[in-house]
Amino acid sequence: MKNILEEKQNKFKNKKESRIINKEIVWFDSKREAKRYDELYLLLKANKISNLILQPEFLLMDTQRHNNITYPKVKYVADFKYIQNDKTIVEDVKSDFTSKDKTYRVKIKWFLSLYGKEISFKEI
């Protein structure tokens, strides 16, 4: 019988990793992302960061309607958002392969053009 972690894989074939957060199982897309969560959790407990949010969503473009066709909104979902030294930081954990994905690169540029003055973005 296969382990549940072996069965849970994302589209890039990374094994998903889980943590129990507030009595619920939370799945991360990779071991690397789960490890980064562990690091941020320790910083949160040590009061070095605050307001840690997992999978924060940022609206890039609202729903559009043209010629009786509705186009859905476009959003960017990061891995983490938190406050450190009164500055909002958004992080995305990416492998070398996924960081080169064309759709991801376009969304990051779009995201930074809209939110880049308000936040600090880190690609881990």
Protein backbone atom coordinates (compact mmCIF):
# COMPACT_ATOMS: atom_id res chain seq x y z
CA MET A 1 0.00 0.00 0.00
CA LYS A 2 1.35 3.44 -0.97
CA ASN A 3 2.01 6.13 1.56
CA ILE A 4 -0.42 9.07 1.21
CA LEU A 5 2.56 11.41 0.68
CA GLU A 6 3.65 9.32 -2.30
CA GLU A 7 0.22 9.67 -3.86
CA LYS A 8 -0.01 13.43 -3.40
CA GLN A 9 1.98 15.02 -6.22
CA ASN A 10 1.64 18.31 -8.04
CA LYS A 11 1.91 18.93 -11.77
CA PHE A 12 5.72 19.21 -11.58
CA LYS A 13 6.01 15.76 -9.89
CA ASN A 14 7.18 17.19 -6.57
CA LYS A 15 6.04 15.19 -3.59
CA LYS A 16 3.65 17.16 -1.47
CA GLU A 17 4.46 17.68 2.18
CA SER A 18 1.98 18.23 4.99
CA ARG A 19 1.91 20.03 8.32
CA ILE A 20 -0.77 20.24 10.98
CA ILE A 21 -1.70 23.89 11.46
CA ASN A 22 -4.48 24.86 13.87
CA LYS A 23 -5.63 21.23 14.04
CA GLU A 24 -5.96 21.00 10.23
CA ILE A 25 -3.74 19.28 7.69
CA VAL A 26 -2.15 21.78 5.30
CA TRP A 27 -0.46 20.49 2.15
CA PHE A 28 2.55 22.23 0.63
CA ASP A 29 3.50 21.78 -3.02
CA SER A 30 7.04 20.68 -2.20
CA LYS A 31 9.37 19.74 0.63
CA ARG A 32 11.20 23.00 0.01
CA GLU A 33 8.03 25.05 0.54
CA ALA A 34 7.21 23.11 3.73
CA LYS A 35 10.74 23.70 5.02
CA ARG A 36 10.37 27.44 4.36
CA TYR A 37 7.09 27.40 6.28
CA ASP A 38 8.90 25.75 9.23
CA GLU A 39 11.49 28.55 9.18
CA LEU A 40 8.83 31.27 9.01
CA TYR A 41 6.85 29.60 11.80
CA LEU A 42 9.90 29.75 14.08
CA LEU A 43 10.38 33.44 13.21
CA LEU A 44 6.70 34.03 14.01
CA LYS A 45 7.01 32.32 17.40
CA ALA A 46 10.16 34.38 18.13
CA ASN A 47 8.24 37.58 17.26
CA LYS A 48 10.66 38.36 14.42
CA ILE A 49 7.75 38.42 11.94
CA SER A 50 3.97 38.82 12.29
CA ASN A 51 0.76 38.21 10.36
CA LEU A 52 1.98 35.10 8.54
CA ILE A 53 -0.49 34.20 5.80
CA LEU A 54 -0.30 31.05 3.67
CA GLN A 55 -1.31 31.19 0.00
CA PRO A 56 -2.22 34.91 -0.14
CA GLU A 57 -4.12 35.90 -3.28
CA PHE A 58 -3.55 39.10 -5.23
CA LEU A 59 -5.98 40.31 -7.87
CA LEU A 60 -4.23 41.14 -11.13
CA MET A 61 -7.30 41.85 -13.22
CA ASP A 62 -10.98 41.71 -12.41
CA THR A 63 -13.55 39.79 -14.45
CA GLN A 64 -13.94 41.26 -17.93
CA ARG A 65 -16.91 41.09 -20.25
CA HIS A 66 -16.51 41.64 -23.99
CA ASN A 67 -18.91 40.75 -26.84
CA ASN A 68 -21.12 38.78 -24.44
CA ILE A 69 -18.17 36.66 -23.34
CA THR A 70 -17.09 36.74 -19.70
CA TYR A 71 -13.40 36.35 -19.01
CA PRO A 72 -12.58 35.28 -15.44
CA LYS A 73 -10.48 37.35 -13.11
CA VAL A 74 -6.74 36.79 -13.07
CA LYS A 75 -4.99 36.37 -9.74
CA TYR A 76 -1.54 35.56 -8.47
CA VAL A 77 -1.25 33.21 -5.49
CA ALA A 78 2.04 33.47 -3.58
CA ASP A 79 3.26 30.99 -1.00
CA PHE A 80 3.63 33.32 2.00
CA LYS A 81 2.93 36.86 3.13
CA TYR A 82 4.10 38.37 6.41
CA ILE A 83 5.20 41.56 8.14
CA GLN A 84 8.84 42.10 9.13
CA ASN A 85 10.18 45.40 10.45
CA ASP A 86 6.92 47.15 9.45
CA LYS A 87 7.31 46.00 5.85
CA THR A 88 5.04 43.58 4.00
CA ILE A 89 6.96 40.71 2.42
CA VAL A 90 5.58 38.27 -0.14
CA GLU A 91 7.49 35.06 -0.85
CA ASP A 92 7.24 32.42 -3.51
CA VAL A 93 9.25 29.20 -3.28
CA LYS A 94 10.21 28.06 -6.77
CA SER A 95 12.52 25.46 -8.24
CA ASP A 96 14.84 26.41 -11.09
CA PHE A 97 12.41 24.74 -13.48
CA THR A 98 9.21 26.43 -12.28
CA SER A 99 10.84 29.83 -11.89
CA LYS A 100 11.40 29.84 -15.67
CA ASP A 101 7.77 29.03 -16.49
CA LYS A 102 6.51 31.72 -18.90
CA THR A 103 3.09 32.11 -17.29
CA TYR A 104 4.68 32.49 -13.85
CA ARG A 105 7.18 35.10 -15.14
CA VAL A 106 4.36 37.16 -16.72
CA LYS A 107 2.28 37.01 -13.54
CA ILE A 108 5.23 38.10 -11.40
CA LYS A 109 5.90 41.10 -13.65
CA TRP A 110 2.20 41.97 -13.57
CA PHE A 111 2.06 41.50 -9.80
CA LEU A 112 5.13 43.72 -9.25
CA SER A 113 3.75 46.44 -11.52
CA LEU A 114 0.60 46.58 -9.35
CA TYR A 115 1.94 45.86 -5.85
CA GLY A 116 5.71 46.39 -6.07
CA LYS A 117 5.70 49.75 -4.28
CA GLU A 118 3.70 48.40 -1.31
CA ILE A 119 5.53 45.13 -0.75
CA SER A 120 8.92 43.47 -0.91
CA PHE A 121 8.94 40.34 -3.08
CA LYS A 122 11.28 37.39 -2.50
CA GLU A 123 11.65 34.41 -4.75
CA ILE A 124 13.13 31.60 -2.65
